[in-house]
């Protein structure tokens, strides 16, 4: 039997050769290799901060590791729990889901920026009064989200508060006290 084109064996050899040399032709990408970094200016709690960050650094990590603002907590690091909630231009965001470089030029408010000197923010005072926390891991994110919830006009009823605070989890189940605190701070 005669064949005019390549045999099956020829095709298999060519495929094996191509597969063997492909890694040699491409540049390796090392896991954990440093990404390009640069200086950005973050406006946090009314103060400008020049921060050197890699492009892949989240706002949460920049706040905690570069600016030593550790009130904002890293709960799940996937945007599911809300412990990392901060305000960006008055709107709540999950700081573990946004890159620090994306927040340049925006006004960031963290839990450390709510109080006026020794005077607690009304939401912080309401959380204390209503014992709206136990372990404290979720509390900063709950308070930041609650401040935005009230500012957005979503504190008209207990159910409305529950709905608009649903992005913040409390593993200690302080939800009734959290709702009471928010409703009081909103003026019911």
N, C-alpha and C. Protein backbone atom coordinates (compact mmCIF):
# COMPACT_ATOMS: atom_id res chain seq x y z
N UNK A 1 0.84 -1.17 0.00
CA UNK A 1 0.00 0.00 0.00
C UNK A 1 0.90 1.25 0.00
N UNK A 2 0.62 2.17 -0.86
CA UNK A 2 1.42 3.39 -0.96
C UNK A 2 0.61 4.57 -0.44
N UNK A 3 1.35 5.53 0.10
CA UNK A 3 0.69 6.72 0.64
C UNK A 3 1.32 7.95 0.03
N UNK A 4 0.47 8.93 -0.28
CA UNK A 4 0.97 10.15 -0.89
C UNK A 4 1.36 11.20 0.15
N UNK A 5 0.70 11.21 1.29
CA UNK A 5 0.94 12.24 2.31
C UNK A 5 1.68 11.67 3.50
N UNK A 6 1.71 12.45 4.57
CA UNK A 6 2.39 11.97 5.78
C UNK A 6 1.64 10.80 6.40
N UNK A 7 2.39 9.92 7.00
CA UNK A 7 1.79 8.78 7.67
C UNK A 7 1.32 9.19 9.06
N UNK A 8 0.58 8.32 9.67
CA UNK A 8 0.11 8.55 11.03
C UNK A 8 1.31 8.72 11.97
N UNK A 9 2.31 7.90 11.76
CA UNK A 9 3.53 7.97 12.57
C UNK A 9 4.22 9.33 12.41
N UNK A 10 4.24 9.88 11.21
CA UNK A 10 4.86 11.18 10.97
C UNK A 10 4.12 12.29 11.74
N UNK A 11 2.80 12.21 11.72
CA UNK A 11 1.99 13.20 12.42
C UNK A 11 2.23 13.13 13.93
N UNK A 12 2.28 11.93 14.49
CA UNK A 12 2.52 11.76 15.92
C UNK A 12 3.90 12.26 16.31
N UNK A 13 4.92 11.99 15.51
CA UNK A 13 6.27 12.46 15.80
C UNK A 13 6.32 14.00 15.80
N UNK A 14 5.67 14.59 14.79
CA UNK A 14 5.66 16.05 14.69
C UNK A 14 4.96 16.68 15.90
N UNK A 15 3.85 16.07 16.33
CA UNK A 15 3.13 16.59 17.50
C UNK A 15 3.94 16.48 18.76
N UNK A 16 4.65 15.37 18.93
CA UNK A 16 5.48 15.17 20.12
C UNK A 16 6.63 16.16 20.14
N UNK A 17 7.22 16.41 19.00
CA UNK A 17 8.33 17.36 18.91
C UNK A 17 7.85 18.77 19.25
N UNK A 18 6.71 19.16 18.70
CA UNK A 18 6.17 20.49 18.97
C UNK A 18 5.85 20.66 20.45
N UNK A 19 5.29 19.64 21.07
CA UNK A 19 4.96 19.71 22.49
C UNK A 19 6.21 19.80 23.34
N UNK A 20 7.27 19.14 22.91
CA UNK A 20 8.50 19.14 23.69
C UNK A 20 9.23 20.47 23.64
N UNK A 21 9.18 21.19 22.52
CA UNK A 21 9.93 22.44 22.41
C UNK A 21 9.13 23.68 22.80
N UNK A 22 7.81 23.57 22.94
CA UNK A 22 6.98 24.73 23.28
C UNK A 22 7.43 25.41 24.57
N UNK A 23 7.71 24.68 25.68
CA UNK A 23 8.16 25.37 26.88
C UNK A 23 9.46 26.12 26.69
N UNK A 24 10.31 25.69 25.79
CA UNK A 24 11.57 26.36 25.55
C UNK A 24 11.34 27.70 24.85
N UNK A 25 10.31 27.78 24.03
CA UNK A 25 10.05 28.98 23.24
C UNK A 25 9.32 30.07 24.01
N UNK A 26 8.66 29.74 25.12
CA UNK A 26 7.90 30.73 25.87
C UNK A 26 8.68 31.18 27.09
N UNK A 27 8.40 32.40 27.53
CA UNK A 27 9.03 32.94 28.73
C UNK A 27 8.29 32.43 29.95
N UNK A 28 8.98 31.93 30.94
CA UNK A 28 8.29 31.45 32.14
C UNK A 28 7.75 32.61 32.96
N UNK A 29 6.61 32.38 33.59
CA UNK A 29 6.03 33.34 34.52
C UNK A 29 6.12 32.69 35.89
N UNK A 30 6.89 33.29 36.76
CA UNK A 30 7.10 32.72 38.07
C UNK A 30 5.96 33.09 39.00
N UNK A 31 5.43 32.09 39.68
CA UNK A 31 4.38 32.35 40.66
C UNK A 31 4.97 33.17 41.79
N UNK A 32 4.27 34.20 42.20
CA UNK A 32 4.74 35.02 43.31
C UNK A 32 5.78 36.06 42.90
N UNK A 33 6.08 36.16 41.60
CA UNK A 33 7.04 37.15 41.16
C UNK A 33 6.47 38.55 41.40
N UNK A 34 7.33 39.46 41.75
CA UNK A 34 6.89 40.82 42.05
C UNK A 34 6.29 41.48 40.82
N UNK A 35 5.13 42.06 41.01
CA UNK A 35 4.49 42.82 39.94
C UNK A 35 5.11 44.21 39.93
N UNK A 36 4.98 44.92 38.83
CA UNK A 36 5.50 46.29 38.80
C UNK A 36 4.87 47.12 39.92
N UNK A 37 5.67 47.94 40.55
CA UNK A 37 5.13 48.77 41.63
C UNK A 37 5.32 50.24 41.28
N UNK A 38 4.60 51.04 42.01
CA UNK A 38 4.69 52.48 41.80
C UNK A 38 4.08 53.20 42.98
N UNK A 39 4.33 54.48 43.05
CA UNK A 39 3.80 55.29 44.14
C UNK A 39 2.42 55.81 43.76
N UNK A 40 1.49 55.68 44.68
CA UNK A 40 0.15 56.24 44.50
C UNK A 40 -0.15 57.12 45.70
N UNK A 41 -1.10 57.99 45.55
CA UNK A 41 -1.54 58.84 46.66
C UNK A 41 -2.95 58.43 47.03
N UNK A 42 -3.10 58.03 48.27
CA UNK A 42 -4.42 57.67 48.79
C UNK A 42 -4.86 58.73 49.79
N UNK A 43 -6.10 59.15 49.67
CA UNK A 43 -6.70 60.08 50.63
C UNK A 43 -7.52 59.23 51.60
N UNK A 44 -6.98 59.03 52.80
CA UNK A 44 -7.61 58.15 53.78
C UNK A 44 -7.89 58.94 55.05
N UNK A 45 -9.15 58.94 55.45
CA UNK A 45 -9.57 59.64 56.67
C UNK A 45 -9.12 61.09 56.69
N UNK A 46 -9.19 61.73 55.53
CA UNK A 46 -8.85 63.15 55.41
C UNK A 46 -7.38 63.46 55.27
N UNK A 47 -6.52 62.46 55.24
CA UNK A 47 -5.08 62.69 55.11
C UNK A 47 -4.55 62.03 53.84
N UNK A 48 -3.65 62.75 53.17
CA UNK A 48 -3.01 62.20 51.97
C UNK A 48 -1.82 61.34 52.38
N UNK A 49 -1.74 60.16 51.74
CA UNK A 49 -0.64 59.24 52.01
C UNK A 49 -0.02 58.82 50.68
N UNK A 50 1.29 59.00 50.57
CA UNK A 50 2.04 58.50 49.41
C UNK A 50 2.42 57.06 49.75
N UNK A 51 2.00 56.12 48.93
CA UNK A 51 2.19 54.70 49.23
C UNK A 51 2.82 54.01 48.02
N UNK A 52 3.84 53.23 48.26
CA UNK A 52 4.47 52.41 47.22
C UNK A 52 3.78 51.06 47.23
N UNK A 53 3.08 50.72 46.15
CA UNK A 53 2.37 49.45 46.08
C UNK A 53 2.58 48.79 44.72
N UNK A 54 2.51 47.48 44.74
CA UNK A 54 2.48 46.73 43.48
C UNK A 54 1.05 46.84 42.94
N UNK A 55 0.92 46.67 41.65
CA UNK A 55 -0.40 46.81 41.01
C UNK A 55 -1.42 45.81 41.54
N UNK A 56 -0.96 44.71 42.10
CA UNK A 56 -1.86 43.65 42.56
C UNK A 56 -2.31 43.80 44.02
N UNK A 57 -1.85 44.82 44.73
CA UNK A 57 -2.16 44.99 46.14
C UNK A 57 -3.59 45.52 46.32
N UNK A 58 -4.35 44.84 47.15
CA UNK A 58 -5.72 45.29 47.42
C UNK A 58 -5.71 46.51 48.32
N UNK A 59 -6.81 47.24 48.30
CA UNK A 59 -6.95 48.38 49.20
C UNK A 59 -6.84 47.90 50.64
N UNK A 60 -7.45 46.77 50.96
CA UNK A 60 -7.38 46.23 52.32
C UNK A 60 -5.94 46.04 52.76
N UNK A 61 -5.12 45.40 51.93
CA UNK A 61 -3.73 45.17 52.30
C UNK A 61 -2.94 46.47 52.39
N UNK A 62 -3.23 47.42 51.52
CA UNK A 62 -2.55 48.72 51.59
C UNK A 62 -2.90 49.43 52.89
N UNK A 63 -4.17 49.40 53.28
CA UNK A 63 -4.58 50.04 54.54
C UNK A 63 -3.90 49.40 55.74
N UNK A 64 -3.95 48.08 55.79
CA UNK A 64 -3.44 47.36 56.95
C UNK A 64 -1.91 47.30 57.00
N UNK A 65 -1.29 46.99 55.86
CA UNK A 65 0.15 46.73 55.85
C UNK A 65 1.00 47.95 55.55
N UNK A 66 0.50 48.89 54.76
CA UNK A 66 1.31 50.06 54.40
C UNK A 66 1.00 51.26 55.29
N UNK A 67 -0.29 51.39 55.70
CA UNK A 67 -0.70 52.56 56.48
C UNK A 67 -0.97 52.24 57.95
N UNK A 68 -0.84 50.98 58.33
CA UNK A 68 -1.04 50.53 59.72
C UNK A 68 -2.43 50.88 60.26
N UNK A 69 -3.42 50.89 59.37
CA UNK A 69 -4.82 51.10 59.77
C UNK A 69 -5.46 49.71 59.86
N UNK A 70 -5.32 49.10 61.03
CA UNK A 70 -5.72 47.71 61.19
C UNK A 70 -7.14 47.53 61.70
N UNK A 71 -7.89 48.61 61.81
CA UNK A 71 -9.29 48.48 62.23
C UNK A 71 -10.12 47.74 61.20
N UNK A 72 -9.82 47.94 59.93
CA UNK A 72 -10.51 47.23 58.85
C UNK A 72 -9.99 45.80 58.86
N UNK A 73 -10.89 44.84 58.93
CA UNK A 73 -10.50 43.43 59.13
C UNK A 73 -10.50 42.64 57.83
N UNK A 74 -9.63 41.64 57.80
CA UNK A 74 -9.60 40.68 56.69
C UNK A 74 -10.32 39.45 57.20
N UNK A 75 -11.56 39.28 56.76
CA UNK A 75 -12.37 38.14 57.20
C UNK A 75 -12.21 36.96 56.27
N UNK A 76 -12.76 37.09 55.07
CA UNK A 76 -12.75 35.97 54.12
C UNK A 76 -11.78 36.20 52.97
N UNK A 77 -11.44 37.45 52.68
CA UNK A 77 -10.57 37.84 51.57
C UNK A 77 -11.18 37.50 50.21
N UNK A 78 -12.51 37.37 50.17
CA UNK A 78 -13.22 37.06 48.91
C UNK A 78 -14.48 37.91 48.73
N UNK A 79 -14.69 38.88 49.58
CA UNK A 79 -15.85 39.74 49.44
C UNK A 79 -17.16 39.15 49.91
N UNK A 80 -17.11 38.08 50.67
CA UNK A 80 -18.34 37.42 51.11
C UNK A 80 -18.82 37.87 52.49
N UNK A 81 -17.92 38.32 53.36
CA UNK A 81 -18.32 38.57 54.75
C UNK A 81 -18.55 40.04 55.08
N UNK A 82 -17.90 40.96 54.37
CA UNK A 82 -18.09 42.38 54.63
C UNK A 82 -17.25 42.95 55.76
N UNK A 83 -16.38 42.14 56.38
CA UNK A 83 -15.55 42.65 57.48
C UNK A 83 -14.61 43.75 57.01
N UNK A 84 -14.30 43.79 55.73
CA UNK A 84 -13.35 44.76 55.18
C UNK A 84 -14.03 46.01 54.62
N UNK A 85 -15.31 46.20 54.90
CA UNK A 85 -16.05 47.32 54.31
C UNK A 85 -15.48 48.66 54.75
N UNK A 86 -15.24 49.53 53.78
CA UNK A 86 -14.84 50.92 54.00
C UNK A 86 -15.72 51.77 53.10
N UNK A 87 -15.62 53.08 53.26
CA UNK A 87 -16.36 53.99 52.39
C UNK A 87 -15.40 54.61 51.39
N UNK A 88 -15.79 54.65 50.14
CA UNK A 88 -15.04 55.33 49.08
C UNK A 88 -15.98 56.38 48.50
N UNK A 89 -15.64 57.63 48.72
CA UNK A 89 -16.51 58.74 48.32
C UNK A 89 -17.91 58.56 48.90
N UNK A 90 -17.98 58.05 50.13
CA UNK A 90 -19.24 57.89 50.84
C UNK A 90 -20.01 56.63 50.51
N UNK A 91 -19.54 55.86 49.56
CA UNK A 91 -20.21 54.60 49.17
C UNK A 91 -19.44 53.42 49.76
N UNK A 92 -20.16 52.43 50.24
CA UNK A 92 -19.50 51.28 50.83
C UNK A 92 -18.90 50.38 49.76
N UNK A 93 -17.68 49.94 50.03
CA UNK A 93 -17.01 48.99 49.15
C UNK A 93 -16.31 47.95 50.02
N UNK A 94 -16.11 46.80 49.45
CA UNK A 94 -15.36 45.74 50.14
C UNK A 94 -13.91 45.89 49.71
N UNK A 95 -13.09 46.31 50.65
CA UNK A 95 -11.71 46.67 50.31
C UNK A 95 -10.85 45.49 49.91
N UNK A 96 -11.30 44.27 50.17
CA UNK A 96 -10.53 43.10 49.73
C UNK A 96 -10.76 42.81 48.25
N UNK A 97 -11.76 43.44 47.64
CA UNK A 97 -12.09 43.19 46.24
C UNK A 97 -11.65 44.29 45.30
N UNK A 98 -11.03 45.33 45.81
CA UNK A 98 -10.61 46.43 44.95
C UNK A 98 -9.12 46.65 45.11
N UNK A 99 -8.47 46.99 44.03
CA UNK A 99 -7.04 47.25 44.08
C UNK A 99 -6.79 48.66 44.61
N UNK A 100 -5.71 48.82 45.34
CA UNK A 100 -5.37 50.13 45.90
C UNK A 100 -5.21 51.17 44.78
N UNK A 101 -4.59 50.78 43.67
CA UNK A 101 -4.37 51.74 42.57
C UNK A 101 -5.69 52.24 41.99
N UNK A 102 -6.75 51.48 42.12
CA UNK A 102 -8.05 51.90 41.60
C UNK A 102 -8.71 52.96 42.47
N UNK A 103 -8.21 53.14 43.69
CA UNK A 103 -8.84 54.07 44.62
C UNK A 103 -8.11 55.40 44.71
N UNK A 104 -7.08 55.56 43.91
CA UNK A 104 -6.36 56.83 43.90
C UNK A 104 -7.32 57.94 43.47
N UNK A 105 -7.34 59.03 44.21
CA UNK A 105 -8.22 60.14 43.89
C UNK A 105 -9.58 60.07 44.57
N UNK A 106 -9.87 58.96 45.23
CA UNK A 106 -11.15 58.83 45.94
C UNK A 106 -10.91 59.06 47.43
N UNK A 107 -11.92 59.53 48.11
CA UNK A 107 -11.82 59.76 49.55
C UNK A 107 -12.23 58.48 50.28
N UNK A 108 -11.28 57.85 50.94
CA UNK A 108 -11.49 56.60 51.65
C UNK A 108 -11.70 56.91 53.13
N UNK A 109 -12.75 56.34 53.71
CA UNK A 109 -12.98 56.47 55.15
C UNK A 109 -12.99 55.08 55.75
N UNK A 110 -12.16 54.89 56.77
CA UNK A 110 -12.11 53.62 57.49
C UNK A 110 -12.73 53.82 58.87
N UNK A 111 -12.83 52.75 59.61
CA UNK A 111 -13.39 52.83 60.97
C UNK A 111 -12.61 53.82 61.83
N UNK A 112 -11.31 53.95 61.59
CA UNK A 112 -10.49 54.88 62.37
C UNK A 112 -10.84 56.34 62.08
N UNK A 113 -11.49 56.58 60.94
CA UNK A 113 -11.81 57.95 60.55
C UNK A 113 -13.21 58.42 60.92
N UNK A 114 -13.98 57.59 61.59
CA UNK A 114 -15.35 57.99 61.93
C UNK A 114 -15.44 58.91 63.13
N UNK A 115 -14.74 58.60 64.18
CA UNK A 115 -14.82 59.39 65.42
C UNK A 115 -14.22 60.77 65.20
N UNK A 116 -14.74 61.74 65.93
CA UNK A 116 -14.20 63.10 65.93
C UNK A 116 -13.40 63.28 67.21
N UNK A 117 -12.11 63.00 67.15
CA UNK A 117 -11.28 63.06 68.35
C UNK A 117 -11.71 61.97 69.32
N UNK A 118 -12.09 62.36 70.52
CA UNK A 118 -12.55 61.40 71.53
C UNK A 118 -14.05 61.15 71.45
N UNK A 119 -14.73 61.88 70.57
CA UNK A 119 -16.19 61.76 70.43
C UNK A 119 -16.52 60.69 69.39
N UNK A 120 -17.18 59.61 69.84
CA UNK A 120 -17.55 58.54 68.92
C UNK A 120 -18.58 59.02 67.90
N UNK A 121 -18.53 58.43 66.73
CA UNK A 121 -19.56 58.66 65.72
C UNK A 121 -20.86 58.11 66.31
N UNK A 122 -22.01 58.70 66.00
CA UNK A 122 -23.28 58.20 66.55
C UNK A 122 -23.51 56.70 66.29
N UNK A 123 -23.05 56.19 65.16
CA UNK A 123 -23.22 54.75 64.89
C UNK A 123 -22.35 53.91 65.82
N UNK A 124 -21.13 54.36 66.07
CA UNK A 124 -20.26 53.65 67.00
C UNK A 124 -20.87 53.63 68.39
N UNK A 125 -21.41 54.78 68.83
CA UNK A 125 -22.03 54.87 70.14
C UNK A 125 -23.26 53.97 70.24
N UNK A 126 -24.05 53.91 69.16
CA UNK A 126 -25.24 53.05 69.16
C UNK A 126 -24.85 51.57 69.21
N UNK A 127 -23.79 51.18 68.52
CA UNK A 127 -23.33 49.79 68.58
C UNK A 127 -22.91 49.43 70.01
N UNK A 128 -22.23 50.35 70.68
CA UNK A 128 -21.85 50.09 72.08
C UNK A 128 -23.09 49.99 72.98
N UNK A 129 -23.99 50.94 72.84
CA UNK A 129 -25.18 50.98 73.68
C UNK A 129 -26.01 49.70 73.52
N UNK A 130 -26.14 49.21 72.30
CA UNK A 130 -27.00 48.04 72.03
C UNK A 130 -26.25 46.72 72.05
N UNK A 131 -24.98 46.77 72.47
CA UNK A 131 -24.17 45.55 72.54
C UNK A 131 -24.24 44.79 71.22
N UNK A 132 -23.99 45.52 70.12
CA UNK A 132 -24.15 44.97 68.77
C UNK A 132 -22.88 44.31 68.25
N UNK A 133 -22.18 43.65 69.14
CA UNK A 133 -20.97 42.93 68.75
C UNK A 133 -20.62 41.94 69.84
N UNK A 134 -19.85 40.92 69.49
CA UNK A 134 -19.30 40.00 70.49
C UNK A 134 -17.81 39.87 70.27
N UNK A 135 -17.42 39.13 69.23
CA UNK A 135 -15.99 38.90 69.01
C UNK A 135 -15.30 40.12 68.43
N UNK A 136 -16.02 40.95 67.69
CA UNK A 136 -15.46 42.19 67.15
C UNK A 136 -14.86 42.10 65.76
N UNK A 137 -14.75 40.92 65.19
CA UNK A 137 -14.14 40.79 63.86
C UNK A 137 -14.98 41.52 62.81
N UNK A 138 -16.28 41.37 62.85
CA UNK A 138 -17.13 41.98 61.82
C UNK A 138 -17.49 43.42 62.16
N UNK A 139 -17.30 43.85 63.38
CA UNK A 139 -17.82 45.13 63.86
C UNK A 139 -17.39 46.34 63.02
N UNK A 140 -16.10 46.50 62.69
CA UNK A 140 -15.75 47.67 61.87
C UNK A 140 -16.48 47.70 60.54
N UNK A 141 -16.56 46.56 59.87
CA UNK A 141 -17.27 46.50 58.59
C UNK A 141 -18.76 46.72 58.75
N UNK A 142 -19.33 46.18 59.83
CA UNK A 142 -20.76 46.39 60.11
C UNK A 142 -21.03 47.88 60.31
N UNK A 143 -20.20 48.54 61.09
CA UNK A 143 -20.41 49.96 61.38
C UNK A 143 -20.26 50.80 60.11
N UNK A 144 -19.23 50.51 59.30
CA UNK A 144 -19.04 51.28 58.07
C UNK A 144 -20.22 51.08 57.11
N UNK A 145 -20.68 49.85 57.00
CA UNK A 145 -21.83 49.58 56.14
C UNK A 145 -23.08 50.23 56.70
N UNK A 146 -23.22 50.23 58.02
CA UNK A 146 -24.39 50.85 58.66
C UNK A 146 -24.42 52.35 58.43
N UNK A 147 -23.26 53.00 58.50
CA UNK A 147 -23.19 54.44 58.23
C UNK A 147 -23.69 54.73 56.82
N UNK A 148 -23.24 53.92 55.85
CA UNK A 148 -23.68 54.10 54.47
C UNK A 148 -25.17 53.77 54.31
N UNK A 149 -25.62 52.73 55.00
CA UNK A 149 -27.02 52.33 54.93
C UNK A 149 -27.93 53.49 55.35
N UNK A 150 -27.58 54.15 56.44
CA UNK A 150 -28.36 55.29 56.92
C UNK A 150 -28.25 56.46 55.93
N UNK A 151 -27.03 56.74 55.47
CA UNK A 151 -26.82 57.86 54.53
C UNK A 151 -27.59 57.64 53.22
N UNK A 152 -27.74 56.38 52.82
CA UNK A 152 -28.47 56.04 51.60
C UNK A 152 -29.99 56.07 51.80
N UNK A 153 -30.43 56.23 53.06
CA UNK A 153 -31.86 56.27 53.35
C UNK A 153 -32.51 54.91 53.44
N UNK A 154 -31.75 53.89 53.85
CA UNK A 154 -32.27 52.53 53.90
C UNK A 154 -32.43 52.01 55.33
N UNK A 155 -32.86 52.87 56.23
CA UNK A 155 -33.05 52.45 57.62
C UNK A 155 -34.48 52.71 58.08
N UNK A 156 -35.43 52.65 57.16
CA UNK A 156 -36.82 52.97 57.47
C UNK A 156 -37.54 51.93 58.29
N UNK A 157 -37.11 50.67 58.19
CA UNK A 157 -37.74 49.59 58.97
C UNK A 157 -36.67 48.55 59.30
N UNK A 158 -37.00 47.69 60.26
CA UNK A 158 -36.07 46.62 60.61
C UNK A 158 -35.76 45.76 59.39
N UNK A 159 -36.80 45.43 58.62
CA UNK A 159 -36.59 44.58 57.44
C UNK A 159 -35.72 45.27 56.39
N UNK A 160 -35.94 46.55 56.20
CA UNK A 160 -35.12 47.29 55.23
C UNK A 160 -33.65 47.29 55.67
N UNK A 161 -33.40 47.49 56.95
CA UNK A 161 -32.02 47.44 57.46
C UNK A 161 -31.42 46.07 57.20
N UNK A 162 -32.18 45.02 57.53
CA UNK A 162 -31.67 43.65 57.30
C UNK A 162 -31.33 43.42 55.83
N UNK A 163 -32.21 43.89 54.95
CA UNK A 163 -31.97 43.72 53.51
C UNK A 163 -30.71 44.45 53.06
N UNK A 164 -30.55 45.70 53.48
CA UNK A 164 -29.43 46.51 53.00
C UNK A 164 -28.13 46.21 53.74
N UNK A 165 -28.20 45.48 54.83
CA UNK A 165 -26.99 45.06 55.56
C UNK A 165 -26.64 43.60 55.27
N UNK A 166 -27.33 42.99 54.33
CA UNK A 166 -27.14 41.55 54.09
C UNK A 166 -25.76 41.19 53.56
N UNK A 167 -24.98 42.14 53.12
CA UNK A 167 -23.62 41.87 52.66
C UNK A 167 -22.61 41.79 53.78
N UNK A 168 -23.06 41.97 55.01
CA UNK A 168 -22.17 41.90 56.18
C UNK A 168 -22.61 40.76 57.07
N UNK A 169 -21.72 39.81 57.29
CA UNK A 169 -22.03 38.65 58.11
C UNK A 169 -21.50 38.83 59.53
N UNK A 170 -22.27 38.32 60.49
CA UNK A 170 -21.85 38.29 61.89
C UNK A 170 -21.93 36.84 62.34
N UNK A 171 -20.79 36.26 62.55
CA UNK A 171 -20.75 34.85 62.93
C UNK A 171 -21.24 34.63 64.37
N UNK A 172 -21.29 35.69 65.15
CA UNK A 172 -21.78 35.59 66.53
C UNK A 172 -23.29 35.82 66.62
N UNK A 173 -23.92 36.11 65.52
CA UNK A 173 -25.38 36.30 65.43
C UNK A 173 -25.91 37.45 66.27
N UNK A 174 -25.28 38.59 66.15
CA UNK A 174 -25.75 39.80 66.85
C UNK A 174 -26.73 40.62 66.01
N UNK A 175 -27.33 40.00 65.01
CA UNK A 175 -28.17 40.74 64.07
C UNK A 175 -29.28 41.57 64.72
N UNK A 176 -30.03 41.05 65.69
CA UNK A 176 -31.09 41.90 66.29
C UNK A 176 -30.51 43.16 66.93
N UNK A 177 -29.39 43.04 67.60
CA UNK A 177 -28.76 44.19 68.26
C UNK A 177 -28.19 45.17 67.22
N UNK A 178 -27.66 44.62 66.13
CA UNK A 178 -27.13 45.47 65.05
C UNK A 178 -28.27 46.28 64.44
N UNK A 179 -29.39 45.65 64.18
CA UNK A 179 -30.55 46.35 63.62
C UNK A 179 -31.03 47.44 64.58
N UNK A 180 -31.11 47.12 65.87
CA UNK A 180 -31.53 48.11 66.86
C UNK A 180 -30.57 49.31 66.88
N UNK A 181 -29.28 49.03 66.82
CA UNK A 181 -28.28 50.11 66.84
C UNK A 181 -28.43 51.01 65.61
N UNK A 182 -28.60 50.40 64.46
CA UNK A 182 -28.73 51.18 63.22
C UNK A 182 -30.00 52.02 63.24
N UNK A 183 -31.08 51.43 63.69
CA UNK A 183 -32.35 52.16 63.73
C UNK A 183 -32.26 53.34 64.71
N UNK A 184 -31.58 53.13 65.83
CA UNK A 184 -31.44 54.24 66.78
C UNK A 184 -30.57 55.34 66.20
N UNK A 185 -29.45 54.96 65.60
CA UNK A 185 -28.55 55.97 65.02
C UNK A 185 -29.24 56.73 63.88
N UNK A 186 -30.15 56.07 63.20
CA UNK A 186 -30.89 56.71 62.11
C UNK A 186 -32.02 57.61 62.62
N UNK A 187 -32.29 57.53 63.92
CA UNK A 187 -33.36 58.34 64.49
C UNK A 187 -34.71 57.68 64.39
N UNK A 188 -34.71 56.39 64.07
CA UNK A 188 -35.94 55.59 63.91
C UNK A 188 -36.91 56.39 63.14
